[in-house]
Amino acid sequence: MKKFISTIIIFPIRLYQYAISPLLGSNCRFYPSCSSYAIEAVEKLPLYTALPKIVWRIIRCHPFSKGGDDPVI
């Protein structure tokens, strides 16, 4: 069941990575990028942990953020 839900969550992120992200250019303040972080979190963590981490990461992604290295733990 987790695999199915993970696939449903990852599919639109991959779609964004291949269709939209190249048009916007590389401007992510964090490493890995927010979309890569989201995929890694969904693959490595339980969904109840991954989803809040993804939302928190996206909230912190703004022009006034220092950014930097932010691995999925």
N, C-alpha and C. Protein backbone atom coordinates (compact mmCIF):
# COMPACT_ATOMS: atom_id res chain seq x y z
N MET A 1 0.81 -1.19 0.00
CA MET A 1 0.00 0.00 0.00
C MET A 1 0.86 1.27 0.00
N LYS A 2 1.96 1.27 0.80
CA LYS A 2 2.84 2.44 0.84
C LYS A 2 3.45 2.69 -0.53
N LYS A 3 3.83 1.62 -1.22
CA LYS A 3 4.43 1.76 -2.55
C LYS A 3 3.46 2.46 -3.50
N PHE A 4 2.19 2.07 -3.46
CA PHE A 4 1.18 2.66 -4.33
C PHE A 4 0.99 4.15 -4.02
N ILE A 5 0.87 4.48 -2.74
CA ILE A 5 0.68 5.88 -2.34
C ILE A 5 1.94 6.69 -2.67
N SER A 6 3.11 6.11 -2.44
CA SER A 6 4.36 6.79 -2.77
C SER A 6 4.44 7.10 -4.26
N THR A 7 4.02 6.16 -5.08
CA THR A 7 4.02 6.37 -6.53
C THR A 7 3.09 7.51 -6.91
N ILE A 8 1.94 7.57 -6.27
CA ILE A 8 0.98 8.65 -6.56
C ILE A 8 1.56 10.01 -6.15
N ILE A 9 2.31 10.05 -5.07
CA ILE A 9 2.92 11.30 -4.63
C ILE A 9 4.11 11.68 -5.50
N ILE A 10 4.91 10.70 -5.89
CA ILE A 10 6.13 10.97 -6.66
C ILE A 10 5.83 11.34 -8.11
N PHE A 11 4.78 10.79 -8.70
CA PHE A 11 4.49 11.04 -10.11
C PHE A 11 4.39 12.53 -10.45
N PRO A 12 3.59 13.34 -9.74
CA PRO A 12 3.53 14.76 -10.11
C PRO A 12 4.84 15.50 -9.86
N ILE A 13 5.63 15.03 -8.90
CA ILE A 13 6.93 15.65 -8.65
C ILE A 13 7.86 15.39 -9.83
N ARG A 14 7.88 14.15 -10.31
CA ARG A 14 8.70 13.81 -11.49
C ARG A 14 8.22 14.60 -12.71
N LEU A 15 6.91 14.72 -12.87
CA LEU A 15 6.35 15.50 -13.97
C LEU A 15 6.86 16.94 -13.90
N TYR A 16 6.84 17.52 -12.71
CA TYR A 16 7.38 18.86 -12.51
C TYR A 16 8.86 18.91 -12.88
N GLN A 17 9.64 17.91 -12.44
CA GLN A 17 11.08 17.90 -12.70
C GLN A 17 11.39 17.87 -14.19
N TYR A 18 10.62 17.11 -14.95
CA TYR A 18 10.92 16.94 -16.37
C TYR A 18 10.24 17.96 -17.28
N ALA A 19 9.09 18.50 -16.87
CA ALA A 19 8.34 19.39 -17.76
C ALA A 19 8.44 20.86 -17.38
N ILE A 20 8.45 21.18 -16.10
CA ILE A 20 8.38 22.58 -15.67
C ILE A 20 9.73 23.11 -15.20
N SER A 21 10.43 22.34 -14.40
CA SER A 21 11.68 22.79 -13.81
C SER A 21 12.72 23.24 -14.85
N PRO A 22 12.89 22.54 -15.97
CA PRO A 22 13.87 23.02 -16.96
C PRO A 22 13.53 24.40 -17.52
N LEU A 23 12.27 24.75 -17.56
CA LEU A 23 11.87 26.06 -18.06
C LEU A 23 12.17 27.17 -17.05
N LEU A 24 12.17 26.84 -15.77
CA LEU A 24 12.40 27.83 -14.72
C LEU A 24 13.88 28.05 -14.44
N GLY A 25 14.70 27.09 -14.79
CA GLY A 25 16.13 27.20 -14.53
C GLY A 25 16.47 26.75 -13.11
N SER A 26 17.74 26.72 -12.82
CA SER A 26 18.21 26.26 -11.51
C SER A 26 18.27 27.45 -10.56
N ASN A 27 17.33 27.52 -9.64
CA ASN A 27 17.34 28.62 -8.69
C ASN A 27 16.98 28.17 -7.28
N CYS A 28 17.17 26.90 -6.99
CA CYS A 28 16.86 26.38 -5.66
C CYS A 28 17.95 26.80 -4.68
N ARG A 29 17.54 27.21 -3.50
CA ARG A 29 18.47 27.67 -2.48
C ARG A 29 19.06 26.52 -1.66
N PHE A 30 18.47 25.36 -1.78
CA PHE A 30 18.88 24.23 -0.97
C PHE A 30 19.51 23.14 -1.83
N TYR A 31 20.29 22.28 -1.17
CA TYR A 31 20.78 21.07 -1.81
C TYR A 31 20.38 19.91 -0.92
N PRO A 32 19.71 18.91 -1.43
CA PRO A 32 19.21 18.76 -2.79
C PRO A 32 18.04 19.70 -3.06
N SER A 33 17.67 19.81 -4.34
CA SER A 33 16.55 20.67 -4.69
C SER A 33 15.29 20.21 -3.96
N CYS A 34 14.32 21.08 -3.87
CA CYS A 34 13.09 20.75 -3.12
C CYS A 34 12.38 19.54 -3.70
N SER A 35 12.37 19.42 -5.02
CA SER A 35 11.69 18.27 -5.63
C SER A 35 12.47 16.98 -5.36
N SER A 36 13.78 17.03 -5.43
CA SER A 36 14.59 15.84 -5.12
C SER A 36 14.46 15.48 -3.64
N TYR A 37 14.42 16.48 -2.80
CA TYR A 37 14.22 16.27 -1.36
C TYR A 37 12.90 15.56 -1.11
N ALA A 38 11.85 16.01 -1.78
CA ALA A 38 10.52 15.42 -1.60
C ALA A 38 10.51 13.95 -2.00
N ILE A 39 11.11 13.64 -3.14
CA ILE A 39 11.15 12.25 -3.60
C ILE A 39 11.94 11.40 -2.63
N GLU A 40 13.09 11.89 -2.20
CA GLU A 40 13.92 11.13 -1.26
C GLU A 40 13.19 10.92 0.06
N ALA A 41 12.49 11.93 0.54
CA ALA A 41 11.75 11.80 1.80
C ALA A 41 10.65 10.75 1.68
N VAL A 42 9.91 10.76 0.58
CA VAL A 42 8.82 9.80 0.39
C VAL A 42 9.38 8.38 0.29
N GLU A 43 10.54 8.23 -0.35
CA GLU A 43 11.12 6.89 -0.51
C GLU A 43 11.74 6.36 0.78
N LYS A 44 12.31 7.23 1.62
CA LYS A 44 13.06 6.78 2.79
C LYS A 44 12.27 6.80 4.09
N LEU A 45 11.29 7.68 4.20
CA LEU A 45 10.61 7.88 5.48
C LEU A 45 9.16 7.43 5.41
N PRO A 46 8.56 7.15 6.56
CA PRO A 46 7.11 6.90 6.56
C PRO A 46 6.38 8.17 6.10
N LEU A 47 5.25 8.00 5.46
CA LEU A 47 4.54 9.15 4.91
C LEU A 47 4.15 10.17 5.97
N TYR A 48 3.80 9.71 7.17
CA TYR A 48 3.41 10.66 8.22
C TYR A 48 4.59 11.52 8.68
N THR A 49 5.80 11.10 8.38
CA THR A 49 6.99 11.90 8.67
C THR A 49 7.42 12.69 7.43
N ALA A 50 7.34 12.06 6.27
CA ALA A 50 7.81 12.68 5.03
C ALA A 50 6.99 13.91 4.64
N LEU A 51 5.68 13.80 4.70
CA LEU A 51 4.83 14.90 4.24
C LEU A 51 5.04 16.20 5.03
N PRO A 52 5.08 16.17 6.37
CA PRO A 52 5.37 17.42 7.09
C PRO A 52 6.76 17.98 6.78
N LYS A 53 7.75 17.10 6.60
CA LYS A 53 9.10 17.57 6.26
C LYS A 53 9.11 18.26 4.89
N ILE A 54 8.36 17.71 3.94
CA ILE A 54 8.28 18.30 2.60
C ILE A 54 7.62 19.67 2.68
N VAL A 55 6.51 19.76 3.39
CA VAL A 55 5.80 21.04 3.52
C VAL A 55 6.70 22.07 4.20
N TRP A 56 7.39 21.68 5.26
CA TRP A 56 8.28 22.60 5.97
C TRP A 56 9.41 23.07 5.05
N ARG A 57 9.94 22.19 4.24
CA ARG A 57 11.00 22.56 3.30
C ARG A 57 10.50 23.57 2.29
N ILE A 58 9.31 23.36 1.74
CA ILE A 58 8.76 24.29 0.75
C ILE A 58 8.47 25.65 1.38
N ILE A 59 7.99 25.66 2.61
CA ILE A 59 7.74 26.93 3.31
C ILE A 59 9.04 27.72 3.48
N ARG A 60 10.14 27.02 3.75
CA ARG A 60 11.43 27.69 3.96
C ARG A 60 12.10 28.13 2.67
N CYS A 61 11.59 27.74 1.53
CA CYS A 61 12.21 28.07 0.24
C CYS A 61 11.68 29.42 -0.24
N HIS A 62 12.41 30.48 0.08
CA HIS A 62 12.02 31.83 -0.32
C HIS A 62 13.29 32.67 -0.45
N PRO A 63 13.20 33.86 -1.05
CA PRO A 63 14.40 34.66 -1.32
C PRO A 63 15.19 35.08 -0.08
N PHE A 64 14.57 35.10 1.09
CA PHE A 64 15.26 35.56 2.28
C PHE A 64 15.89 34.41 3.08
N SER A 65 15.73 33.19 2.61
CA SER A 65 16.30 32.02 3.27
C SER A 65 17.78 31.89 2.91
N LYS A 66 18.58 31.44 3.88
CA LYS A 66 19.99 31.23 3.60
C LYS A 66 20.21 29.99 2.73
N GLY A 67 19.31 29.02 2.83
CA GLY A 67 19.45 27.80 2.02
C GLY A 67 20.60 26.95 2.53
N GLY A 68 21.25 26.26 1.61
CA GLY A 68 22.39 25.42 1.96
C GLY A 68 22.07 23.94 1.90
N ASP A 69 22.93 23.16 2.52
CA ASP A 69 22.79 21.71 2.53
C ASP A 69 21.70 21.31 3.53
N ASP A 70 20.70 20.58 3.06
CA ASP A 70 19.57 20.18 3.91
C ASP A 70 19.17 18.76 3.55
N PRO A 71 19.92 17.76 4.03
CA PRO A 71 19.61 16.37 3.66
C PRO A 71 18.38 15.84 4.38
N VAL A 72 17.77 14.83 3.80
CA VAL A 72 16.67 14.13 4.45
C VAL A 72 17.28 13.26 5.54
N ILE A 73 16.82 13.42 6.74
CA ILE A 73 17.38 12.65 7.86
C ILE A 73 16.41 11.56 8.25
